[in-house]
């Protein structure tokens, strides 16, 4: 997990225990999801957290993992990926995470691919 100070305090974050409860899995499985790049975590006030926007109901937003993998493969570090996901992009419009949540994951992946390569 990385310290991401630029991620707005307005971004709702869930502690890892809350993520485990939301998904109905043990916290150790949440740690495995983080290692696998299913979603990303960061530290806020010393506690490991995951942005609540990464979840839709009791599941992970479709396209998030593929976007993370694509950007990691392109050399981006997790803090950079988190910032990018929550930064307004006039060409989408909105933020990449908002577009993923709206089901426009192909558009987000095209932009991520263009950035990564």
Protein backbone atom coordinates (compact mmCIF):
# COMPACT_ATOMS: atom_id res chain seq x y z
CA UNK A 1 0.00 0.00 0.00
CA UNK A 2 1.15 3.46 -0.79
CA UNK A 3 0.61 6.81 0.82
CA UNK A 4 -1.43 8.92 -1.57
CA UNK A 5 -1.72 12.40 -0.17
CA UNK A 6 -3.15 13.91 -3.36
CA UNK A 7 -6.31 11.79 -3.29
CA UNK A 8 -9.04 14.15 -2.17
CA UNK A 9 -10.40 13.75 1.32
CA UNK A 10 -13.81 13.86 -0.39
CA UNK A 11 -13.12 10.41 -1.84
CA UNK A 12 -14.94 7.99 0.45
CA UNK A 13 -12.57 5.28 1.66
CA UNK A 14 -13.30 1.96 3.32
CA UNK A 15 -10.91 0.33 5.79
CA UNK A 16 -9.85 -3.18 4.76
CA UNK A 17 -12.11 -4.75 7.40
CA UNK A 18 -15.11 -2.93 5.90
CA UNK A 19 -14.14 -4.13 2.42
CA UNK A 20 -14.03 -7.70 3.74
CA UNK A 21 -17.48 -7.29 5.28
CA UNK A 22 -18.88 -5.73 2.10
CA UNK A 23 -17.59 -8.58 -0.05
CA UNK A 24 -18.33 -11.28 2.54
CA UNK A 25 -14.74 -12.53 2.62
CA UNK A 26 -11.97 -12.68 5.24
CA UNK A 27 -9.53 -9.76 5.48
CA UNK A 28 -6.73 -12.09 4.33
CA UNK A 29 -8.60 -12.49 1.03
CA UNK A 30 -8.77 -8.68 0.70
CA UNK A 31 -4.97 -8.64 1.02
CA UNK A 32 -4.79 -11.25 -1.76
CA UNK A 33 -7.08 -9.14 -3.95
CA UNK A 34 -4.73 -6.19 -3.44
CA UNK A 35 -1.70 -8.28 -4.42
CA UNK A 36 -3.58 -9.52 -7.51
CA UNK A 37 -4.52 -5.95 -8.53
CA UNK A 38 -8.27 -6.50 -8.27
CA UNK A 39 -8.39 -3.07 -6.63
CA UNK A 40 -5.93 -0.67 -4.96
CA UNK A 41 -5.48 0.55 -1.40
CA UNK A 42 -3.81 3.56 0.13
CA UNK A 43 -3.18 4.88 3.61
CA UNK A 44 -5.34 7.60 5.07
CA UNK A 45 -4.52 8.72 8.60
CA UNK A 46 -2.28 5.66 8.93
CA UNK A 47 -5.03 3.16 8.08
CA UNK A 48 -5.13 1.05 4.92
CA UNK A 49 -8.22 1.97 2.89
CA UNK A 50 -9.82 1.22 -0.46
CA UNK A 51 -11.91 3.83 -2.29
CA UNK A 52 -15.61 3.01 -1.93
CA UNK A 53 -16.10 3.94 -5.60
CA UNK A 54 -14.28 0.71 -6.52
CA UNK A 55 -17.37 -1.26 -5.51
CA UNK A 56 -20.83 -1.50 -6.96
CA UNK A 57 -23.09 -3.23 -4.51
CA UNK A 58 -21.19 -6.23 -3.22
CA UNK A 59 -18.84 -6.57 -6.18
CA UNK A 60 -15.84 -4.83 -7.70
CA UNK A 61 -16.60 -2.37 -10.53
CA UNK A 62 -16.31 -4.07 -13.91
CA UNK A 63 -13.15 -3.13 -15.81
CA UNK A 64 -11.24 -1.87 -12.77
CA UNK A 65 -8.82 -4.78 -12.53
CA UNK A 66 -8.05 -4.69 -16.27
CA UNK A 67 -7.39 -0.97 -16.10
CA UNK A 68 -5.06 -1.41 -13.12
CA UNK A 69 -3.15 -4.22 -14.85
CA UNK A 70 -2.87 -2.20 -18.06
CA UNK A 71 -1.44 0.82 -16.26
CA UNK A 72 0.90 -1.26 -14.07
CA UNK A 73 2.22 -3.00 -17.18
CA UNK A 74 2.78 0.45 -18.67
CA UNK A 75 5.03 1.41 -15.78
CA UNK A 76 2.62 3.36 -13.59
CA UNK A 77 2.91 3.02 -9.82
CA UNK A 78 -0.18 2.47 -7.69
CA UNK A 79 -0.30 6.07 -6.36
CA UNK A 80 -0.24 7.37 -9.95
CA UNK A 81 -3.03 4.98 -10.93
CA UNK A 82 -5.17 6.06 -7.99
CA UNK A 83 -4.69 9.74 -8.82
CA UNK A 84 -5.51 9.12 -12.48
CA UNK A 85 -8.69 7.19 -11.65
CA UNK A 86 -9.99 10.12 -9.60
CA UNK A 87 -8.84 13.01 -11.82
CA UNK A 88 -11.32 14.77 -14.11
CA UNK A 89 -10.81 14.00 -17.80
CA UNK A 90 -12.65 16.30 -20.21
CA UNK A 91 -12.42 13.71 -22.98
CA UNK A 92 -14.52 11.16 -21.05
CA UNK A 93 -16.24 13.35 -19.44
CA UNK A 94 -15.79 12.97 -15.71
CA UNK A 95 -13.24 10.83 -13.94
CA UNK A 96 -12.12 7.41 -15.16
CA UNK A 97 -13.65 5.72 -12.09
CA UNK A 98 -17.00 7.41 -12.77
CA UNK A 99 -16.88 6.08 -16.33
CA UNK A 100 -16.02 2.57 -15.14
CA UNK A 101 -18.95 2.71 -12.71
CA UNK A 102 -21.20 3.82 -15.59
CA UNK A 103 -20.17 0.79 -17.67
CA UNK A 104 -17.91 2.69 -20.06
CA UNK A 105 -14.85 0.56 -19.29
CA UNK A 106 -13.76 0.29 -22.94
CA UNK A 107 -13.34 4.07 -23.18
CA UNK A 108 -11.33 4.12 -19.96
CA UNK A 109 -9.11 1.25 -21.09
CA UNK A 110 -8.43 2.98 -24.43
CA UNK A 111 -7.22 6.08 -22.61
CA UNK A 112 -5.20 4.03 -20.14
CA UNK A 113 -3.61 2.13 -23.00
CA UNK A 114 -2.69 5.37 -24.77
CA UNK A 115 -1.08 6.69 -21.57
CA UNK A 116 0.78 3.48 -20.80
CA UNK A 117 2.39 2.99 -24.20
